[in-house]
Every structure is written in structure tokens, then in C-alpha cells.
Amino acid sequence: RLAAAQDLPRKFLEAVVGDLRSAGLVESRRGAGGGYVLARPAGDIAV
């Protein structure tokens, strides 16, 4: 969904999101409705 919404290459984006997860900026959720969520409020995450 992230890739489709911004017309990004999915495989490359997977690696990018993995880096974001490793840095503690996003968290992954497993299961049928799984995916990624912010690890903290967007107002608390600096660019």
C-alpha cells in the first residue's frame, strides 16, 4: 500500500522500511491486517 500510494518500487521500499524499523521509527504488525505503524506520534519524529 505504501508503494502504490506514492508509486515507489516495492522491493526497494521494503529495505527502507526495514531501516526505519531498526531505528525504532516504525513498528511492524503481523497478521492478515498487518503492516507498519509509526512507533511514536508523527509530531515527535523529526525529519
All heavy atoms as atom14 arrays in JSON, in Angstrom:
{
  "sequence": "RLAAAQDLPRKFLEAVVGDLRSAGLVESRRGAGGGYVLARPAGDIAV",
  "atom14_mask": [
    [1, 1, 1, 1, 1, 1, 1, 1, 1, 1, 1, 0, 0, 0],
    [1, 1, 1, 1, 1, 1, 1, 1, 0, 0, 0, 0, 0, 0],
    [1, 1, 1, 1, 1, 0, 0, 0, 0, 0, 0, 0, 0, 0],
    [1, 1, 1, 1, 1, 0, 0, 0, 0, 0, 0, 0, 0, 0],
    [1, 1, 1, 1, 1, 0, 0, 0, 0, 0, 0, 0, 0, 0],
    [1, 1, 1, 1, 1, 1, 1, 1, 1, 0, 0, 0, 0, 0],
    [1, 1, 1, 1, 1, 1, 1, 1, 0, 0, 0, 0, 0, 0],
    [1, 1, 1, 1, 1, 1, 1, 1, 0, 0, 0, 0, 0, 0],
    [1, 1, 1, 1, 1, 1, 1, 0, 0, 0, 0, 0, 0, 0],
    [1, 1, 1, 1, 1, 1, 1, 1, 1, 1, 1, 0, 0, 0],
    [1, 1, 1, 1, 1, 1, 1, 1, 1, 0, 0, 0, 0, 0],
    [1, 1, 1, 1, 1, 1, 1, 1, 1, 1, 1, 0, 0, 0],
    [1, 1, 1, 1, 1, 1, 1, 1, 0, 0, 0, 0, 0, 0],
    [1, 1, 1, 1, 1, 1, 1, 1, 1, 0, 0, 0, 0, 0],
    [1, 1, 1, 1, 1, 0, 0, 0, 0, 0, 0, 0, 0, 0],
    [1, 1, 1, 1, 1, 1, 1, 0, 0, 0, 0, 0, 0, 0],
    [1, 1, 1, 1, 1, 1, 1, 0, 0, 0, 0, 0, 0, 0],
    [1, 1, 1, 1, 0, 0, 0, 0, 0, 0, 0, 0, 0, 0],
    [1, 1, 1, 1, 1, 1, 1, 1, 0, 0, 0, 0, 0, 0],
    [1, 1, 1, 1, 1, 1, 1, 1, 0, 0, 0, 0, 0, 0],
    [1, 1, 1, 1, 1, 1, 1, 1, 1, 1, 1, 0, 0, 0],
    [1, 1, 1, 1, 1, 1, 0, 0, 0, 0, 0, 0, 0, 0],
    [1, 1, 1, 1, 1, 0, 0, 0, 0, 0, 0, 0, 0, 0],
    [1, 1, 1, 1, 0, 0, 0, 0, 0, 0, 0, 0, 0, 0],
    [1, 1, 1, 1, 1, 1, 1, 1, 0, 0, 0, 0, 0, 0],
    [1, 1, 1, 1, 1, 1, 1, 0, 0, 0, 0, 0, 0, 0],
    [1, 1, 1, 1, 1, 1, 1, 1, 1, 0, 0, 0, 0, 0],
    [1, 1, 1, 1, 1, 1, 0, 0, 0, 0, 0, 0, 0, 0],
    [1, 1, 1, 1, 1, 1, 1, 1, 1, 1, 1, 0, 0, 0],
    [1, 1, 1, 1, 1, 1, 1, 1, 1, 1, 1, 0, 0, 0],
    [1, 1, 1, 1, 0, 0, 0, 0, 0, 0, 0, 0, 0, 0],
    [1, 1, 1, 1, 1, 0, 0, 0, 0, 0, 0, 0, 0, 0],
    [1, 1, 1, 1, 0, 0, 0, 0, 0, 0, 0, 0, 0, 0],
    [1, 1, 1, 1, 0, 0, 0, 0, 0, 0, 0, 0, 0, 0],
    [1, 1, 1, 1, 0, 0, 0, 0, 0, 0, 0, 0, 0, 0],
    [1, 1, 1, 1, 1, 1, 1, 1, 1, 1, 1, 1, 0, 0],
    [1, 1, 1, 1, 1, 1, 1, 0, 0, 0, 0, 0, 0, 0],
    [1, 1, 1, 1, 1, 1, 1, 1, 0, 0, 0, 0, 0, 0],
    [1, 1, 1, 1, 1, 0, 0, 0, 0, 0, 0, 0, 0, 0],
    [1, 1, 1, 1, 1, 1, 1, 1, 1, 1, 1, 0, 0, 0],
    [1, 1, 1, 1, 1, 1, 1, 0, 0, 0, 0, 0, 0, 0],
    [1, 1, 1, 1, 1, 0, 0, 0, 0, 0, 0, 0, 0, 0],
    [1, 1, 1, 1, 0, 0, 0, 0, 0, 0, 0, 0, 0, 0],
    [1, 1, 1, 1, 1, 1, 1, 1, 0, 0, 0, 0, 0, 0],
    [1, 1, 1, 1, 1, 1, 1, 1, 0, 0, 0, 0, 0, 0],
    [1, 1, 1, 1, 1, 0, 0, 0, 0, 0, 0, 0, 0, 0],
    [1, 1, 1, 1, 1, 1, 1, 0, 0, 0, 0, 0, 0, 0]
  ],
  "atom14_positions": [
    [[0.83, -1.22, 0.0], [0.0, 0.0, 0.0], [0.85, 1.26, 0.0], [0.53, 2.23, -0.69], [-0.95, 0.02, 1.2], [-2.21, -0.79, 0.95], [-3.24, -0.71, 2.08], [-3.43, 0.59, 2.7], [-3.76, 0.76, 3.97], [-3.96, -0.28, 4.76], [-3.94, 1.97, 4.47], [0.0, 0.0, 0.0], [0.0, 0.0, 0.0], [0.0, 0.0, 0.0]],
    [[1.94, 1.24, 0.78], [2.84, 2.39, 0.8], [3.43, 2.63, -0.59], [3.45, 3.76, -1.08], [3.99, 2.18, 1.8], [3.65, 2.2, 3.28], [4.86, 1.77, 4.1], [3.16, 3.56, 3.72], [0.0, 0.0, 0.0], [0.0, 0.0, 0.0], [0.0, 0.0, 0.0], [0.0, 0.0, 0.0], [0.0, 0.0, 0.0], [0.0, 0.0, 0.0]],
    [[3.88, 1.57, -1.22], [4.5, 1.68, -2.55], [3.49, 2.17, -3.58], [3.8, 3.06, -4.38], [5.08, 0.34, -2.96], [0.0, 0.0, 0.0], [0.0, 0.0, 0.0], [0.0, 0.0, 0.0], [0.0, 0.0, 0.0], [0.0, 0.0, 0.0], [0.0, 0.0, 0.0], [0.0, 0.0, 0.0], [0.0, 0.0, 0.0], [0.0, 0.0, 0.0]],
    [[2.3, 1.62, -3.55], [1.28, 2.0, -4.53], [0.84, 3.46, -4.35], [0.63, 4.17, -5.33], [0.07, 1.08, -4.42], [0.0, 0.0, 0.0], [0.0, 0.0, 0.0], [0.0, 0.0, 0.0], [0.0, 0.0, 0.0], [0.0, 0.0, 0.0], [0.0, 0.0, 0.0], [0.0, 0.0, 0.0], [0.0, 0.0, 0.0], [0.0, 0.0, 0.0]],
    [[0.72, 3.9, -3.11], [0.23, 5.25, -2.84], [1.16, 6.34, -3.37], [0.71, 7.41, -3.74], [0.02, 5.44, -1.33], [0.0, 0.0, 0.0], [0.0, 0.0, 0.0], [0.0, 0.0, 0.0], [0.0, 0.0, 0.0], [0.0, 0.0, 0.0], [0.0, 0.0, 0.0], [0.0, 0.0, 0.0], [0.0, 0.0, 0.0], [0.0, 0.0, 0.0]],
    [[2.46, 6.05, -3.42], [3.42, 7.05, -3.88], [4.19, 6.58, -5.13], [5.18, 7.19, -5.5], [4.41, 7.39, -2.77], [3.85, 8.27, -1.69], [3.67, 9.68, -2.17], [4.61, 10.32, -2.63], [2.45, 10.2, -2.06], [0.0, 0.0, 0.0], [0.0, 0.0, 0.0], [0.0, 0.0, 0.0], [0.0, 0.0, 0.0], [0.0, 0.0, 0.0]],
    [[3.73, 5.49, -5.74], [4.36, 4.95, -6.95], [5.85, 4.7, -6.72], [6.71, 5.19, -7.48], [4.13, 5.88, -8.15], [4.43, 5.19, -9.46], [4.32, 3.95, -9.53], [4.81, 5.9, -10.43], [0.0, 0.0, 0.0], [0.0, 0.0, 0.0], [0.0, 0.0, 0.0], [0.0, 0.0, 0.0], [0.0, 0.0, 0.0], [0.0, 0.0, 0.0]],
    [[6.16, 3.95, -5.66], [7.53, 3.63, -5.29], [7.82, 2.16, -5.58], [6.91, 1.34, -5.52], [7.76, 3.91, -3.8], [7.46, 5.33, -3.32], [7.59, 5.42, -1.81], [8.37, 6.32, -4.01], [0.0, 0.0, 0.0], [0.0, 0.0, 0.0], [0.0, 0.0, 0.0], [0.0, 0.0, 0.0], [0.0, 0.0, 0.0], [0.0, 0.0, 0.0]],
    [[9.07, 1.81, -5.85], [9.41, 0.4, -6.07], [9.29, -0.39, -4.76], [9.96, -0.07, -3.77], [10.85, 0.44, -6.57], [11.37, 1.79, -6.24], [10.2, 2.7, -6.05], [0.0, 0.0, 0.0], [0.0, 0.0, 0.0], [0.0, 0.0, 0.0], [0.0, 0.0, 0.0], [0.0, 0.0, 0.0], [0.0, 0.0, 0.0], [0.0, 0.0, 0.0]],
    [[8.44, -1.4, -4.75], [8.12, -2.15, -3.53], [9.35, -2.79, -2.89], [9.55, -2.68, -1.68], [7.07, -3.22, -3.82], [6.59, -3.95, -2.55], [5.62, -5.07, -2.87], [6.14, -6.06, -3.78], [7.01, -7.03, -3.45], [7.43, -7.14, -2.22], [7.43, -7.88, -4.35], [0.0, 0.0, 0.0], [0.0, 0.0, 0.0], [0.0, 0.0, 0.0]],
    [[10.19, -3.46, -3.67], [11.34, -4.17, -3.1], [12.31, -3.19, -2.43], [12.81, -3.46, -1.34], [12.08, -4.97, -4.18], [11.33, -6.2, -4.65], [11.03, -7.16, -3.53], [12.1, -8.21, -3.42], [11.8, -9.2, -2.4], [0.0, 0.0, 0.0], [0.0, 0.0, 0.0], [0.0, 0.0, 0.0], [0.0, 0.0, 0.0], [0.0, 0.0, 0.0]],
    [[12.55, -2.08, -3.08], [13.43, -1.06, -2.51], [12.81, -0.49, -1.24], [13.48, -0.3, -0.23], [13.7, 0.03, -3.54], [14.77, 1.01, -3.17], [15.98, 0.6, -2.62], [14.57, 2.36, -3.38], [16.96, 1.51, -2.29], [15.55, 3.29, -3.05], [16.75, 2.86, -2.5], [0.0, 0.0, 0.0], [0.0, 0.0, 0.0], [0.0, 0.0, 0.0]],
    [[11.5, -0.23, -1.28], [10.8, 0.32, -0.13], [10.83, -0.65, 1.05], [10.92, -0.21, 2.2], [9.37, 0.69, -0.5], [8.59, 1.46, 0.56], [9.28, 2.76, 0.94], [7.17, 1.72, 0.07], [0.0, 0.0, 0.0], [0.0, 0.0, 0.0], [0.0, 0.0, 0.0], [0.0, 0.0, 0.0], [0.0, 0.0, 0.0], [0.0, 0.0, 0.0]],
    [[10.78, -1.94, 0.79], [10.87, -2.93, 1.88], [12.16, -2.74, 2.67], [12.15, -2.77, 3.9], [10.81, -4.35, 1.32], [9.43, -4.79, 0.92], [9.41, -6.18, 0.29], [10.49, -6.82, 0.18], [8.32, -6.62, -0.09], [0.0, 0.0, 0.0], [0.0, 0.0, 0.0], [0.0, 0.0, 0.0], [0.0, 0.0, 0.0], [0.0, 0.0, 0.0]],
    [[13.27, -2.54, 1.97], [14.55, -2.33, 2.64], [14.54, -1.01, 3.42], [15.05, -0.95, 4.56], [15.69, -2.34, 1.62], [0.0, 0.0, 0.0], [0.0, 0.0, 0.0], [0.0, 0.0, 0.0], [0.0, 0.0, 0.0], [0.0, 0.0, 0.0], [0.0, 0.0, 0.0], [0.0, 0.0, 0.0], [0.0, 0.0, 0.0], [0.0, 0.0, 0.0]],
    [[13.97, 0.01, 2.85], [13.89, 1.31, 3.52], [13.06, 1.2, 4.8], [13.48, 1.69, 5.86], [13.29, 2.37, 2.56], [12.95, 3.65, 3.29], [14.23, 2.64, 1.4], [0.0, 0.0, 0.0], [0.0, 0.0, 0.0], [0.0, 0.0, 0.0], [0.0, 0.0, 0.0], [0.0, 0.0, 0.0], [0.0, 0.0, 0.0], [0.0, 0.0, 0.0]],
    [[11.92, 0.56, 4.72], [11.07, 0.4, 5.9], [11.77, -0.46, 6.95], [11.64, -0.22, 8.15], [9.68, -0.17, 5.51], [8.85, -0.5, 6.73], [8.94, 0.83, 4.64], [0.0, 0.0, 0.0], [0.0, 0.0, 0.0], [0.0, 0.0, 0.0], [0.0, 0.0, 0.0], [0.0, 0.0, 0.0], [0.0, 0.0, 0.0], [0.0, 0.0, 0.0]],
    [[12.56, -1.42, 6.51], [13.36, -2.21, 7.44], [14.33, -1.34, 8.22], [14.51, -1.52, 9.43], [0.0, 0.0, 0.0], [0.0, 0.0, 0.0], [0.0, 0.0, 0.0], [0.0, 0.0, 0.0], [0.0, 0.0, 0.0], [0.0, 0.0, 0.0], [0.0, 0.0, 0.0], [0.0, 0.0, 0.0], [0.0, 0.0, 0.0], [0.0, 0.0, 0.0]],
    [[14.97, -0.38, 7.55], [15.87, 0.55, 8.23], [15.1, 1.42, 9.23], [15.59, 1.69, 10.33], [16.58, 1.46, 7.22], [17.64, 0.73, 6.41], [18.06, -0.37, 6.81], [18.04, 1.29, 5.36], [0.0, 0.0, 0.0], [0.0, 0.0, 0.0], [0.0, 0.0, 0.0], [0.0, 0.0, 0.0], [0.0, 0.0, 0.0], [0.0, 0.0, 0.0]],
    [[13.91, 1.85, 8.83], [13.09, 2.66, 9.74], [12.68, 1.86, 10.97], [12.65, 2.39, 12.08], [11.84, 3.18, 9.0], [12.09, 4.15, 7.85], [10.8, 4.4, 7.07], [12.68, 5.47, 8.36], [0.0, 0.0, 0.0], [0.0, 0.0, 0.0], [0.0, 0.0, 0.0], [0.0, 0.0, 0.0], [0.0, 0.0, 0.0], [0.0, 0.0, 0.0]],
    [[12.4, 0.58, 10.77], [12.05, -0.29, 11.9], [13.26, -0.48, 12.81], [13.15, -0.38, 14.03], [11.53, -1.63, 11.39], [10.97, -2.52, 12.5], [10.4, -3.83, 11.97], [11.27, -4.54, 11.07], [12.33, -5.27, 11.45], [12.65, -5.36, 12.71], [13.07, -5.89, 10.56], [0.0, 0.0, 0.0], [0.0, 0.0, 0.0], [0.0, 0.0, 0.0]],
    [[14.41, -0.73, 12.23], [15.64, -0.91, 13.02], [15.97, 0.33, 13.84], [16.53, 0.23, 14.93], [16.82, -1.24, 12.11], [16.63, -2.5, 11.5], [0.0, 0.0, 0.0], [0.0, 0.0, 0.0], [0.0, 0.0, 0.0], [0.0, 0.0, 0.0], [0.0, 0.0, 0.0], [0.0, 0.0, 0.0], [0.0, 0.0, 0.0], [0.0, 0.0, 0.0]],
    [[15.63, 1.49, 13.31], [15.9, 2.74, 14.01], [14.83, 3.06, 15.05], [14.93, 4.07, 15.76], [15.99, 3.89, 13.0], [0.0, 0.0, 0.0], [0.0, 0.0, 0.0], [0.0, 0.0, 0.0], [0.0, 0.0, 0.0], [0.0, 0.0, 0.0], [0.0, 0.0, 0.0], [0.0, 0.0, 0.0], [0.0, 0.0, 0.0], [0.0, 0.0, 0.0]],
    [[13.79, 2.24, 15.14], [12.74, 2.47, 16.13], [11.73, 3.54, 15.73], [11.02, 4.05, 16.59], [0.0, 0.0, 0.0], [0.0, 0.0, 0.0], [0.0, 0.0, 0.0], [0.0, 0.0, 0.0], [0.0, 0.0, 0.0], [0.0, 0.0, 0.0], [0.0, 0.0, 0.0], [0.0, 0.0, 0.0], [0.0, 0.0, 0.0], [0.0, 0.0, 0.0]],
    [[11.66, 3.85, 14.44], [10.71, 4.87, 13.99], [9.37, 4.27, 13.59], [8.35, 4.95, 13.65], [11.3, 5.66, 12.82], [12.57, 6.45, 13.14], [13.1, 7.13, 11.89], [12.31, 7.46, 14.24], [0.0, 0.0, 0.0], [0.0, 0.0, 0.0], [0.0, 0.0, 0.0], [0.0, 0.0, 0.0], [0.0, 0.0, 0.0], [0.0, 0.0, 0.0]],
    [[9.38, 3.02, 13.15], [8.14, 2.32, 12.82], [8.15, 0.97, 13.51], [9.19, 0.45, 13.89], [7.93, 2.15, 11.28], [7.9, 3.48, 10.59], [8.96, 1.23, 10.68], [0.0, 0.0, 0.0], [0.0, 0.0, 0.0], [0.0, 0.0, 0.0], [0.0, 0.0, 0.0], [0.0, 0.0, 0.0], [0.0, 0.0, 0.0], [0.0, 0.0, 0.0]],
    [[6.96, 0.42, 13.66], [6.79, -0.93, 14.22], [6.0, -1.75, 13.23], [5.15, -1.22, 12.5], [6.02, -0.86, 15.55], [6.75, -0.1, 16.63], [5.92, 0.07, 17.89], [4.68, -0.18, 17.86], [6.5, 0.46, 18.91], [0.0, 0.0, 0.0], [0.0, 0.0, 0.0], [0.0, 0.0, 0.0], [0.0, 0.0, 0.0], [0.0, 0.0, 0.0]],
    [[6.31, -3.05, 13.21], [5.56, -3.93, 12.3], [4.48, -4.65, 13.08], [4.63, -4.94, 14.26], [6.5, -4.92, 11.62], [7.15, -5.73, 12.59], [0.0, 0.0, 0.0], [0.0, 0.0, 0.0], [0.0, 0.0, 0.0], [0.0, 0.0, 0.0], [0.0, 0.0, 0.0], [0.0, 0.0, 0.0], [0.0, 0.0, 0.0], [0.0, 0.0, 0.0]],
    [[3.39, -4.91, 12.39], [2.27, -5.68, 12.94], [2.06, -6.88, 12.03], [1.98, -6.74, 10.82], [0.98, -4.84, 12.96], [1.08, -3.58, 13.78], [1.02, -3.88, 15.27], [0.78, -2.69, 16.05], [1.72, -2.03, 16.71], [2.95, -2.44, 16.68], [1.42, -0.95, 17.4], [0.0, 0.0, 0.0], [0.0, 0.0, 0.0], [0.0, 0.0, 0.0]],
    [[1.97, -8.04, 12.62], [1.79, -9.27, 11.85], [0.31, -9.58, 11.66], [-0.54, -9.01, 12.32], [2.46, -10.43, 12.56], [3.97, -10.22, 12.7], [4.66, -11.56, 12.88], [6.08, -11.4, 13.02], [6.94, -11.35, 12.0], [6.49, -11.43, 10.78], [8.23, -11.23, 12.21], [0.0, 0.0, 0.0], [0.0, 0.0, 0.0], [0.0, 0.0, 0.0]],
    [[0.04, -10.49, 10.76], [-1.32, -10.97, 10.57], [-1.93, -10.47, 9.28], [-1.31, -9.74, 8.5], [0.0, 0.0, 0.0], [0.0, 0.0, 0.0], [0.0, 0.0, 0.0], [0.0, 0.0, 0.0], [0.0, 0.0, 0.0], [0.0, 0.0, 0.0], [0.0, 0.0, 0.0], [0.0, 0.0, 0.0], [0.0, 0.0, 0.0], [0.0, 0.0, 0.0]],
    [[-3.17, -10.86, 9.07], [-3.88, -10.54, 7.84], [-3.98, -9.03, 7.63], [-3.86, -8.54, 6.51], [-5.27, -11.15, 7.85], [0.0, 0.0, 0.0], [0.0, 0.0, 0.0], [0.0, 0.0, 0.0], [0.0, 0.0, 0.0], [0.0, 0.0, 0.0], [0.0, 0.0, 0.0], [0.0, 0.0, 0.0], [0.0, 0.0, 0.0], [0.0, 0.0, 0.0]],
    [[-4.2, -8.28, 8.67], [-4.3, -6.82, 8.57], [-3.0, -6.15, 8.96], [-3.0, -5.0, 9.37], [0.0, 0.0, 0.0], [0.0, 0.0, 0.0], [0.0, 0.0, 0.0], [0.0, 0.0, 0.0], [0.0, 0.0, 0.0], [0.0, 0.0, 0.0], [0.0, 0.0, 0.0], [0.0, 0.0, 0.0], [0.0, 0.0, 0.0], [0.0, 0.0, 0.0]],
    [[-1.91, -6.88, 8.84], [-0.62, -6.38, 9.29], [-0.01, -5.33, 8.39], [-0.55, -4.98, 7.34], [0.0, 0.0, 0.0], [0.0, 0.0, 0.0], [0.0, 0.0, 0.0], [0.0, 0.0, 0.0], [0.0, 0.0, 0.0], [0.0, 0.0, 0.0], [0.0, 0.0, 0.0], [0.0, 0.0, 0.0], [0.0, 0.0, 0.0], [0.0, 0.0, 0.0]],
    [[1.1, -4.84, 8.83], [1.82, -3.81, 8.1], [2.65, -3.01, 9.07], [3.14, -3.54, 10.07], [0.0, 0.0, 0.0], [0.0, 0.0, 0.0], [0.0, 0.0, 0.0], [0.0, 0.0, 0.0], [0.0, 0.0, 0.0], [0.0, 0.0, 0.0], [0.0, 0.0, 0.0], [0.0, 0.0, 0.0], [0.0, 0.0, 0.0], [0.0, 0.0, 0.0]],
    [[2.77, -1.73, 8.8], [3.61, -0.86, 9.61], [2.81, 0.3, 10.18], [1.87, 0.79, 9.56], [4.78, -0.34, 8.78], [5.74, -1.45, 8.43], [5.58, -2.18, 7.26], [6.79, -1.78, 9.28], [6.45, -3.21, 6.95], [7.66, -2.81, 8.97], [7.47, -3.53, 7.81], [8.32, -4.55, 7.51], [0.0, 0.0, 0.0], [0.0, 0.0, 0.0]],
    [[3.23, 0.72, 11.37], [2.67, 1.89, 12.04], [3.83, 2.71, 12.59], [4.93, 2.18, 12.79], [1.71, 1.51, 13.2], [0.49, 0.74, 12.68], [2.44, 0.71, 14.27], [0.0, 0.0, 0.0], [0.0, 0.0, 0.0], [0.0, 0.0, 0.0], [0.0, 0.0, 0.0], [0.0, 0.0, 0.0], [0.0, 0.0, 0.0], [0.0, 0.0, 0.0]],
    [[3.58, 3.97, 12.84], [4.6, 4.8, 13.48], [4.84, 4.3, 14.9], [3.9, 3.9, 15.59], [4.16, 6.26, 13.53], [3.99, 6.98, 12.19], [3.54, 8.42, 12.43], [5.28, 6.96, 11.39], [0.0, 0.0, 0.0], [0.0, 0.0, 0.0], [0.0, 0.0, 0.0], [0.0, 0.0, 0.0], [0.0, 0.0, 0.0], [0.0, 0.0, 0.0]],
    [[6.08, 4.35, 15.34], [6.42, 3.9, 16.69], [6.08, 4.95, 17.73], [5.95, 4.63, 18.91], [7.91, 3.54, 16.76], [0.0, 0.0, 0.0], [0.0, 0.0, 0.0], [0.0, 0.0, 0.0], [0.0, 0.0, 0.0], [0.0, 0.0, 0.0], [0.0, 0.0, 0.0], [0.0, 0.0, 0.0], [0.0, 0.0, 0.0], [0.0, 0.0, 0.0]],
    [[5.94, 6.18, 17.31], [5.55, 7.27, 18.21], [4.81, 8.32, 17.38], [4.82, 8.25, 16.15], [6.75, 7.84, 18.96], [7.87, 8.35, 18.11], [9.07, 8.75, 19.02], [10.05, 9.5, 18.29], [11.16, 8.99, 17.77], [11.42, 7.71, 17.89], [12.02, 9.76, 17.13], [0.0, 0.0, 0.0], [0.0, 0.0, 0.0], [0.0, 0.0, 0.0]],
    [[4.19, 9.29, 18.01], [3.42, 10.28, 17.25], [4.28, 11.01, 16.22], [5.46, 11.29, 16.45], [2.93, 11.25, 18.33], [2.93, 10.45, 19.59], [4.08, 9.49, 19.47], [0.0, 0.0, 0.0], [0.0, 0.0, 0.0], [0.0, 0.0, 0.0], [0.0, 0.0, 0.0], [0.0, 0.0, 0.0], [0.0, 0.0, 0.0], [0.0, 0.0, 0.0]],
    [[3.67, 11.33, 15.08], [4.38, 11.99, 13.99], [4.98, 13.33, 14.42], [6.02, 13.74, 13.9], [3.44, 12.19, 12.8], [0.0, 0.0, 0.0], [0.0, 0.0, 0.0], [0.0, 0.0, 0.0], [0.0, 0.0, 0.0], [0.0, 0.0, 0.0], [0.0, 0.0, 0.0], [0.0, 0.0, 0.0], [0.0, 0.0, 0.0], [0.0, 0.0, 0.0]],
    [[4.35, 13.98, 15.37], [4.88, 15.25, 15.87], [6.15, 15.08, 16.68], [6.87, 16.05, 16.93], [0.0, 0.0, 0.0], [0.0, 0.0, 0.0], [0.0, 0.0, 0.0], [0.0, 0.0, 0.0], [0.0, 0.0, 0.0], [0.0, 0.0, 0.0], [0.0, 0.0, 0.0], [0.0, 0.0, 0.0], [0.0, 0.0, 0.0], [0.0, 0.0, 0.0]],
    [[6.44, 13.85, 17.09], [7.64, 13.56, 17.88], [8.76, 12.96, 17.02], [9.8, 12.56, 17.56], [7.31, 12.58, 19.01], [6.37, 13.18, 20.04], [6.23, 14.42, 20.08], [5.77, 12.4, 20.79], [0.0, 0.0, 0.0], [0.0, 0.0, 0.0], [0.0, 0.0, 0.0], [0.0, 0.0, 0.0], [0.0, 0.0, 0.0], [0.0, 0.0, 0.0]],
    [[8.54, 12.87, 15.73], [9.56, 12.31, 14.83], [10.07, 13.43, 13.92], [9.32, 13.96, 13.1], [8.99, 11.17, 13.98], [8.48, 10.04, 14.89], [10.04, 10.64, 13.0], [7.72, 8.94, 14.15], [0.0, 0.0, 0.0], [0.0, 0.0, 0.0], [0.0, 0.0, 0.0], [0.0, 0.0, 0.0], [0.0, 0.0, 0.0], [0.0, 0.0, 0.0]],
    [[11.33, 13.78, 14.09], [11.93, 14.82, 13.26], [12.31, 14.23, 11.9], [12.66, 13.05, 11.8], [13.17, 15.39, 13.93], [0.0, 0.0, 0.0], [0.0, 0.0, 0.0], [0.0, 0.0, 0.0], [0.0, 0.0, 0.0], [0.0, 0.0, 0.0], [0.0, 0.0, 0.0], [0.0, 0.0, 0.0], [0.0, 0.0, 0.0], [0.0, 0.0, 0.0]],
    [[12.24, 15.05, 10.88], [12.66, 14.62, 9.56], [14.13, 14.18, 9.61], [14.52, 13.22, 8.95], [12.43, 15.74, 8.51], [12.98, 15.34, 7.15], [10.94, 16.07, 8.42], [0.0, 0.0, 0.0], [0.0, 0.0, 0.0], [0.0, 0.0, 0.0], [0.0, 0.0, 0.0], [0.0, 0.0, 0.0], [0.0, 0.0, 0.0], [0.0, 0.0, 0.0]]
  ]
}
